[in-house]
Amino acid sequence: MAFDAKPSSCIASWSEDGTDVTFPIASISELTAGEADATTGDWRKILFALLEHFYTYYTTLPSGDQPGRVTITRSTTVDSNDVMTRTYTFRITSDILTKEVADEA
């Protein structure tokens, strides 16, 4: 297989109508309806769920299927109070003039 850039490859049931993008909450395993609620939800939990989703998706791809112009890494530390801290690093190679993600080789 080879790298697949389609959004629906990364997020199940992804759709767009030219104005909005949508996908089921269940497509992001760490996300609940309560966390995603527009009024009572928590954007930090949405961000965490999305970061975990993209990291997991990326790292479970066979190396030949991973994009060469995007890499995702994560580090985890736990302090003496059993507080876990996760750091995500996204490295994206872009075209200097357009600032778009560079085409795959």
N, C-alpha and C. Protein backbone atom coordinates (compact mmCIF):
# COMPACT_ATOMS: atom_id res chain seq x y z
N MET A 1 0.84 -1.18 0.00
CA MET A 1 0.00 0.00 0.00
C MET A 1 0.89 1.25 0.00
N ALA A 2 0.29 2.40 -0.11
CA ALA A 2 1.02 3.66 -0.11
C ALA A 2 0.24 4.71 0.69
N PHE A 3 0.88 5.84 0.89
CA PHE A 3 0.25 6.92 1.63
C PHE A 3 -1.09 7.29 0.99
N ASP A 4 -2.11 7.47 1.83
CA ASP A 4 -3.46 7.82 1.40
C ASP A 4 -3.84 9.14 2.06
N ALA A 5 -3.99 10.20 1.29
CA ALA A 5 -4.24 11.54 1.83
C ALA A 5 -5.71 11.84 2.11
N LYS A 6 -6.63 10.95 1.70
CA LYS A 6 -8.05 11.24 1.87
C LYS A 6 -8.39 11.42 3.36
N PRO A 7 -9.11 12.48 3.74
CA PRO A 7 -9.51 12.64 5.13
C PRO A 7 -10.31 11.45 5.67
N SER A 8 -11.11 10.82 4.80
CA SER A 8 -11.91 9.67 5.25
C SER A 8 -11.04 8.46 5.57
N SER A 9 -9.78 8.46 5.15
CA SER A 9 -8.87 7.39 5.54
C SER A 9 -8.47 7.52 7.00
N CYS A 10 -8.43 8.73 7.48
CA CYS A 10 -7.98 9.01 8.85
C CYS A 10 -9.14 9.14 9.83
N ILE A 11 -10.25 9.70 9.38
CA ILE A 11 -11.42 9.90 10.25
C ILE A 11 -12.61 9.25 9.58
N ALA A 12 -13.12 8.21 10.22
CA ALA A 12 -14.23 7.44 9.65
C ALA A 12 -15.46 8.32 9.43
N SER A 13 -16.11 8.11 8.31
CA SER A 13 -17.36 8.80 7.94
C SER A 13 -17.20 10.31 7.79
N TRP A 14 -15.99 10.75 7.47
CA TRP A 14 -15.73 12.17 7.18
C TRP A 14 -16.59 12.60 6.00
N SER A 15 -17.18 13.78 6.09
CA SER A 15 -17.91 14.32 4.94
C SER A 15 -17.77 15.84 4.94
N GLU A 16 -18.00 16.42 3.78
CA GLU A 16 -17.99 17.88 3.65
C GLU A 16 -18.98 18.27 2.58
N ASP A 17 -19.51 19.49 2.72
CA ASP A 17 -20.50 19.96 1.76
C ASP A 17 -20.09 21.26 1.09
N GLY A 18 -18.81 21.58 1.15
CA GLY A 18 -18.32 22.83 0.58
C GLY A 18 -18.29 23.96 1.58
N THR A 19 -18.99 23.81 2.69
CA THR A 19 -19.01 24.82 3.75
C THR A 19 -18.57 24.23 5.08
N ASP A 20 -19.08 23.07 5.41
CA ASP A 20 -18.81 22.44 6.69
C ASP A 20 -18.22 21.05 6.50
N VAL A 21 -17.41 20.64 7.47
CA VAL A 21 -16.97 19.25 7.54
C VAL A 21 -17.66 18.61 8.73
N THR A 22 -18.02 17.34 8.59
CA THR A 22 -18.66 16.63 9.68
C THR A 22 -18.11 15.21 9.75
N PHE A 23 -18.16 14.67 10.95
CA PHE A 23 -17.85 13.27 11.18
C PHE A 23 -18.50 12.88 12.49
N PRO A 24 -18.83 11.61 12.64
CA PRO A 24 -19.47 11.17 13.88
C PRO A 24 -18.52 11.30 15.07
N ILE A 25 -19.06 11.66 16.19
CA ILE A 25 -18.25 11.74 17.41
C ILE A 25 -17.57 10.40 17.65
N ALA A 26 -18.24 9.31 17.34
CA ALA A 26 -17.68 7.98 17.56
C ALA A 26 -16.44 7.71 16.71
N SER A 27 -16.18 8.54 15.70
CA SER A 27 -14.97 8.38 14.89
C SER A 27 -13.71 8.73 15.68
N ILE A 28 -13.87 9.45 16.77
CA ILE A 28 -12.75 9.86 17.63
C ILE A 28 -12.92 9.16 18.97
N SER A 29 -12.15 8.10 19.17
CA SER A 29 -12.42 7.20 20.31
C SER A 29 -12.35 7.86 21.68
N GLU A 30 -11.55 8.88 21.86
CA GLU A 30 -11.43 9.52 23.17
C GLU A 30 -12.51 10.57 23.43
N LEU A 31 -13.38 10.82 22.45
CA LEU A 31 -14.34 11.91 22.54
C LEU A 31 -15.75 11.41 22.85
N THR A 32 -16.42 12.11 23.77
CA THR A 32 -17.81 11.78 24.08
C THR A 32 -18.72 12.93 23.62
N ALA A 33 -20.00 12.65 23.53
CA ALA A 33 -20.97 13.67 23.14
C ALA A 33 -20.97 14.82 24.15
N GLY A 34 -20.85 14.49 25.42
CA GLY A 34 -20.82 15.53 26.45
C GLY A 34 -19.63 16.46 26.30
N GLU A 35 -18.47 15.89 25.99
CA GLU A 35 -17.27 16.71 25.81
C GLU A 35 -17.36 17.58 24.56
N ALA A 36 -18.08 17.10 23.55
CA ALA A 36 -18.21 17.83 22.29
C ALA A 36 -19.39 18.78 22.26
N ASP A 37 -20.21 18.79 23.29
CA ASP A 37 -21.40 19.64 23.31
C ASP A 37 -21.02 21.10 23.14
N ALA A 38 -21.72 21.81 22.27
CA ALA A 38 -21.39 23.20 21.94
C ALA A 38 -21.54 24.14 23.13
N THR A 39 -22.39 23.81 24.09
CA THR A 39 -22.64 24.69 25.22
C THR A 39 -21.94 24.24 26.50
N THR A 40 -21.99 22.95 26.78
CA THR A 40 -21.46 22.46 28.05
C THR A 40 -20.19 21.64 27.90
N GLY A 41 -19.71 21.49 26.68
CA GLY A 41 -18.52 20.69 26.44
C GLY A 41 -17.25 21.39 26.87
N ASP A 42 -16.12 20.81 26.51
CA ASP A 42 -14.82 21.31 26.94
C ASP A 42 -13.85 21.21 25.76
N TRP A 43 -13.48 22.34 25.19
CA TRP A 43 -12.62 22.34 24.00
C TRP A 43 -11.28 21.67 24.27
N ARG A 44 -10.80 21.69 25.53
CA ARG A 44 -9.53 21.04 25.85
C ARG A 44 -9.63 19.54 25.67
N LYS A 45 -10.76 18.97 26.03
CA LYS A 45 -10.96 17.53 25.87
C LYS A 45 -11.11 17.16 24.40
N ILE A 46 -11.73 18.06 23.63
CA ILE A 46 -11.82 17.85 22.19
C ILE A 46 -10.42 17.84 21.58
N LEU A 47 -9.62 18.82 21.96
CA LEU A 47 -8.25 18.90 21.45
C LEU A 47 -7.46 17.64 21.83
N PHE A 48 -7.54 17.23 23.07
CA PHE A 48 -6.83 16.03 23.51
C PHE A 48 -7.28 14.81 22.71
N ALA A 49 -8.58 14.66 22.53
CA ALA A 49 -9.10 13.51 21.78
C ALA A 49 -8.60 13.52 20.34
N LEU A 50 -8.59 14.69 19.71
CA LEU A 50 -8.11 14.79 18.33
C LEU A 50 -6.61 14.50 18.25
N LEU A 51 -5.84 15.03 19.18
CA LEU A 51 -4.39 14.75 19.18
C LEU A 51 -4.13 13.26 19.35
N GLU A 52 -4.81 12.64 20.28
CA GLU A 52 -4.66 11.20 20.49
C GLU A 52 -5.06 10.42 19.25
N HIS A 53 -6.15 10.85 18.62
CA HIS A 53 -6.62 10.16 17.42
C HIS A 53 -5.58 10.24 16.30
N PHE A 54 -5.10 11.45 16.02
CA PHE A 54 -4.12 11.60 14.94
C PHE A 54 -2.82 10.87 15.25
N TYR A 55 -2.37 10.94 16.50
CA TYR A 55 -1.16 10.22 16.88
C TYR A 55 -1.33 8.71 16.70
N THR A 56 -2.43 8.18 17.20
CA THR A 56 -2.68 6.74 17.10
C THR A 56 -2.81 6.31 15.65
N TYR A 57 -3.55 7.08 14.87
CA TYR A 57 -3.70 6.75 13.45
C TYR A 57 -2.34 6.71 12.77
N TYR A 58 -1.56 7.76 12.98
CA TYR A 58 -0.26 7.87 12.33
C TYR A 58 0.67 6.72 12.74
N THR A 59 0.75 6.43 14.01
CA THR A 59 1.72 5.42 14.48
C THR A 59 1.29 3.99 14.17
N THR A 60 0.02 3.78 13.86
CA THR A 60 -0.40 2.42 13.51
C THR A 60 -0.31 2.14 12.01
N LEU A 61 -0.02 3.17 11.23
CA LEU A 61 0.20 2.95 9.80
C LEU A 61 1.53 2.23 9.59
N PRO A 62 1.58 1.29 8.67
CA PRO A 62 2.89 0.72 8.32
C PRO A 62 3.81 1.85 7.84
N SER A 63 5.10 1.73 8.10
CA SER A 63 6.01 2.83 7.77
C SER A 63 5.92 3.26 6.30
N GLY A 64 5.67 2.33 5.40
CA GLY A 64 5.56 2.68 3.98
C GLY A 64 4.30 3.45 3.64
N ASP A 65 3.33 3.46 4.56
CA ASP A 65 2.07 4.17 4.33
C ASP A 65 2.02 5.52 5.04
N GLN A 66 3.00 5.79 5.89
CA GLN A 66 3.04 7.08 6.60
C GLN A 66 3.48 8.17 5.63
N PRO A 67 2.93 9.38 5.79
CA PRO A 67 3.36 10.47 4.93
C PRO A 67 4.81 10.84 5.24
N GLY A 68 5.53 11.26 4.24
CA GLY A 68 6.91 11.69 4.45
C GLY A 68 7.00 13.15 4.84
N ARG A 69 5.94 13.90 4.61
CA ARG A 69 5.97 15.35 4.87
C ARG A 69 5.29 15.73 6.18
N VAL A 70 4.79 14.74 6.91
CA VAL A 70 4.20 14.96 8.22
C VAL A 70 4.67 13.85 9.14
N THR A 71 5.17 14.22 10.30
CA THR A 71 5.49 13.23 11.32
C THR A 71 4.84 13.65 12.62
N ILE A 72 4.44 12.66 13.40
CA ILE A 72 3.78 12.93 14.68
C ILE A 72 4.47 12.09 15.75
N THR A 73 4.89 12.74 16.82
CA THR A 73 5.48 12.02 17.94
C THR A 73 4.78 12.44 19.23
N ARG A 74 4.93 11.60 20.24
CA ARG A 74 4.32 11.88 21.54
C ARG A 74 5.28 11.42 22.61
N SER A 75 5.41 12.22 23.65
CA SER A 75 6.17 11.78 24.82
C SER A 75 5.26 11.89 26.04
N THR A 76 5.51 11.03 27.00
CA THR A 76 4.69 10.99 28.21
C THR A 76 5.58 10.98 29.42
N THR A 77 5.28 11.83 30.39
CA THR A 77 5.97 11.82 31.67
C THR A 77 4.93 11.71 32.78
N VAL A 78 5.35 11.12 33.88
CA VAL A 78 4.50 11.02 35.07
C VAL A 78 5.32 11.54 36.23
N ASP A 79 4.75 12.50 36.97
CA ASP A 79 5.50 13.07 38.09
C ASP A 79 5.24 12.29 39.37
N SER A 80 5.83 12.73 40.46
CA SER A 80 5.72 12.02 41.74
C SER A 80 4.32 12.04 42.33
N ASN A 81 3.44 12.90 41.80
CA ASN A 81 2.05 12.96 42.24
C ASN A 81 1.12 12.18 41.32
N ASP A 82 1.70 11.33 40.48
CA ASP A 82 0.95 10.54 39.51
C ASP A 82 0.15 11.41 38.54
N VAL A 83 0.73 12.54 38.16
CA VAL A 83 0.14 13.41 37.15
C VAL A 83 0.88 13.15 35.84
N MET A 84 0.11 12.76 34.82
CA MET A 84 0.69 12.45 33.52
C MET A 84 0.65 13.69 32.63
N THR A 85 1.73 13.92 31.93
CA THR A 85 1.81 15.01 30.96
C THR A 85 2.18 14.42 29.61
N ARG A 86 1.40 14.75 28.60
CA ARG A 86 1.69 14.29 27.24
C ARG A 86 2.07 15.49 26.39
N THR A 87 3.11 15.31 25.59
CA THR A 87 3.55 16.33 24.66
C THR A 87 3.49 15.74 23.26
N TYR A 88 2.79 16.42 22.38
CA TYR A 88 2.66 15.98 20.99
C TYR A 88 3.49 16.92 20.12
N THR A 89 4.22 16.34 19.19
CA THR A 89 4.98 17.14 18.24
C THR A 89 4.55 16.76 16.84
N PHE A 90 4.07 17.75 16.11
CA PHE A 90 3.69 17.58 14.71
C PHE A 90 4.74 18.32 13.89
N ARG A 91 5.39 17.61 13.00
CA ARG A 91 6.38 18.24 12.13
C ARG A 91 5.85 18.16 10.71
N ILE A 92 5.64 19.34 10.10
CA ILE A 92 5.03 19.41 8.79
C ILE A 92 5.98 20.16 7.86
N THR A 93 6.33 19.52 6.76
CA THR A 93 7.17 20.16 5.76
C THR A 93 6.25 20.87 4.77
N SER A 94 6.47 22.18 4.61
CA SER A 94 5.59 22.95 3.74
C SER A 94 6.38 23.69 2.67
N ASP A 95 5.67 24.07 1.64
CA ASP A 95 6.24 24.89 0.58
C ASP A 95 6.39 26.30 1.13
N ILE A 96 7.54 26.90 0.96
CA ILE A 96 7.83 28.20 1.57
C ILE A 96 6.93 29.32 1.04
N LEU A 97 6.55 29.26 -0.22
CA LEU A 97 5.75 30.33 -0.79
C LEU A 97 4.27 30.18 -0.49
N THR A 98 3.73 28.97 -0.61
CA THR A 98 2.29 28.78 -0.41
C THR A 98 1.96 28.44 1.04
N LYS A 99 2.93 27.99 1.81
CA LYS A 99 2.74 27.52 3.18
C LYS A 99 1.79 26.34 3.25
N GLU A 100 1.64 25.63 2.13
CA GLU A 100 0.85 24.41 2.07
C GLU A 100 1.75 23.22 2.37
N VAL A 101 1.17 22.14 2.85
CA VAL A 101 1.94 20.93 3.07
C VAL A 101 2.57 20.53 1.73
N ALA A 102 3.87 20.25 1.78
CA ALA A 102 4.58 19.89 0.56
C ALA A 102 4.05 18.56 0.02
N ASP A 103 4.04 18.42 -1.30
CA ASP A 103 3.63 17.17 -1.92
C ASP A 103 4.56 16.04 -1.47
N GLU A 104 4.00 14.86 -1.40
CA GLU A 104 4.81 13.68 -1.07
C GLU A 104 5.76 13.41 -2.23
N ALA A 105 6.91 12.87 -1.90
CA ALA A 105 7.93 12.57 -2.92
C ALA A 105 7.43 11.49 -3.86
